[in-house]
Each structure stands twice: as C-alpha cells, then as structure tokens.
Amino acid sequence: MSASCPANLEENLFQAVQEALNLILKKSQADEVKVRLDSDYDSILVEIRHNGAEFGPEETPELTSLGESVTAIGGKLVIAPVANHWTTLQIKV
C-alpha cells in the first residue's frame, strides 16, 4: 500500500480480507484460492477468487457482517460468480 494510506484503513482492510478468507475456508470447500491486490492514487481493490461452492448472505450471515465492515471503511463488497465454477469476492475502497 502507498505511504499515504491511513494505518486504520490498512488494518481494517487486512481484517476484512482475513474474514473473507476465513468464510471461504469454512463455507466453500474450495481447494484453490487466489488473492489479488491492486491500488492506484485513490482506490484499492482486493479480489479473492475461489473454486468452491458459491455462498451468499442468505446462507452465510457473516457475509452481511463483512459487507458492513467494508462499508464502514468507505468501501463496497461485491460477490459474483465467474466462469469455470469460480466465485469472486471484491473489496473496493
């Protein structure tokens, strides 16, 4: 992350990614997970892809909590299926 990224944002983003990975581990039965981090001058994107079972807020209340945590730091959580049985969780700040 850039030197201008506030420490509390780094910590909260780290916790959100950790929570997302924990949910994938518990709920998806994935055998492969990919994490990508992109940033530029005014935004950060963390993309987490897994090849396990798709899950949403209906089955996983913790996902709603994760979305609220991401919103609290000025971000957005997007969950979308991808081709070839992959699911992507994106955290955009």
Protein backbone atom coordinates (compact mmCIF):
# COMPACT_ATOMS: atom_id res chain seq x y z
CA MET A 1 0.00 0.00 0.00
CA SER A 2 1.14 3.53 -0.53
CA ALA A 3 2.68 5.62 2.21
CA SER A 4 -0.41 7.84 2.13
CA CYS A 5 -2.79 5.02 3.08
CA PRO A 6 -4.06 5.62 6.63
CA ALA A 7 -2.98 2.96 9.13
CA ASN A 8 -6.54 2.32 10.29
CA LEU A 9 -7.57 1.68 6.67
CA GLU A 10 -4.74 -0.83 6.26
CA GLU A 11 -5.72 -2.61 9.48
CA ASN A 12 -9.44 -2.67 8.64
CA LEU A 13 -8.79 -3.84 5.09
CA PHE A 14 -6.49 -6.58 6.38
CA GLN A 15 -9.19 -7.70 8.82
CA ALA A 16 -11.81 -7.72 6.04
CA VAL A 17 -9.58 -9.86 3.80
CA GLN A 18 -8.84 -12.18 6.70
CA GLU A 19 -12.56 -12.51 7.42
CA ALA A 20 -13.31 -13.21 3.73
CA LEU A 21 -10.65 -15.91 3.56
CA ASN A 22 -11.96 -17.47 6.76
CA LEU A 23 -15.50 -17.58 5.31
CA ILE A 24 -14.22 -19.20 2.12
CA LEU A 25 -12.36 -21.78 4.20
CA LYS A 26 -15.46 -22.58 6.29
CA LYS A 27 -18.23 -22.39 3.69
CA SER A 28 -16.99 -23.07 0.17
CA GLN A 29 -14.96 -26.29 0.35
CA ALA A 30 -12.56 -24.67 -2.13
CA ASP A 31 -9.29 -26.35 -2.94
CA GLU A 32 -7.83 -23.24 -4.59
CA VAL A 33 -7.99 -19.56 -3.62
CA LYS A 34 -6.35 -16.63 -5.42
CA VAL A 35 -5.87 -13.18 -3.90
CA ARG A 36 -5.02 -10.11 -5.98
CA LEU A 37 -4.35 -6.59 -4.72
CA ASP A 38 -4.42 -3.54 -6.98
CA SER A 39 -4.12 0.06 -5.95
CA ASP A 40 -3.75 3.43 -7.57
CA TYR A 41 -3.81 7.01 -6.32
CA ASP A 42 -7.33 6.97 -4.96
CA SER A 43 -8.57 3.39 -4.71
CA ILE A 44 -7.71 -0.10 -3.56
CA LEU A 45 -9.14 -3.33 -4.98
CA VAL A 46 -8.74 -6.70 -3.31
CA GLU A 47 -10.05 -9.58 -5.39
CA ILE A 48 -10.39 -13.02 -3.82
CA ARG A 49 -11.35 -15.91 -6.12
CA HIS A 50 -12.16 -19.43 -5.05
CA ASN A 51 -13.25 -22.57 -6.86
CA GLY A 52 -15.53 -23.86 -4.13
CA ALA A 53 -19.25 -23.74 -3.58
CA GLU A 54 -20.92 -20.39 -4.08
CA PHE A 55 -22.46 -18.85 -0.97
CA GLY A 56 -24.36 -15.66 -0.27
CA PRO A 57 -25.78 -13.65 2.62
CA GLU A 58 -28.83 -15.93 2.82
CA GLU A 59 -26.70 -18.94 3.74
CA THR A 60 -23.92 -17.00 5.44
CA PRO A 61 -24.95 -14.19 7.81
CA GLU A 62 -21.25 -13.47 8.38
CA LEU A 63 -21.16 -12.17 4.81
CA THR A 64 -23.57 -9.40 5.78
CA SER A 65 -21.25 -8.50 8.65
CA LEU A 66 -18.28 -8.45 6.26
CA GLY A 67 -20.19 -6.13 3.92
CA GLU A 68 -20.97 -3.82 6.83
CA SER A 69 -17.29 -3.78 7.85
CA VAL A 70 -16.24 -2.91 4.31
CA THR A 71 -18.90 -0.17 4.09
CA ALA A 72 -17.65 1.28 7.39
CA ILE A 73 -14.23 1.95 5.82
CA GLY A 74 -15.81 3.59 2.77
CA GLY A 75 -15.72 0.51 0.59
CA LYS A 76 -18.00 -1.88 -1.24
CA LEU A 77 -18.19 -5.68 -1.20
CA VAL A 78 -19.16 -7.36 -4.47
CA ILE A 79 -19.69 -11.11 -4.84
CA ALA A 80 -20.01 -12.55 -8.32
CA PRO A 81 -19.78 -15.97 -9.96
CA VAL A 82 -17.09 -16.28 -12.62
CA ALA A 83 -16.78 -18.74 -15.50
CA ASN A 84 -15.44 -22.23 -14.82
CA HIS A 85 -17.04 -22.58 -11.35
CA TRP A 86 -15.10 -19.76 -9.68
CA THR A 87 -16.57 -17.13 -7.37
CA THR A 88 -15.06 -13.70 -6.81
CA LEU A 89 -15.31 -11.53 -3.71
CA GLN A 90 -14.15 -7.99 -4.43
CA ILE A 91 -13.45 -5.38 -1.80
CA LYS A 92 -13.21 -1.91 -3.32
CA VAL A 93 -12.12 1.04 -1.21
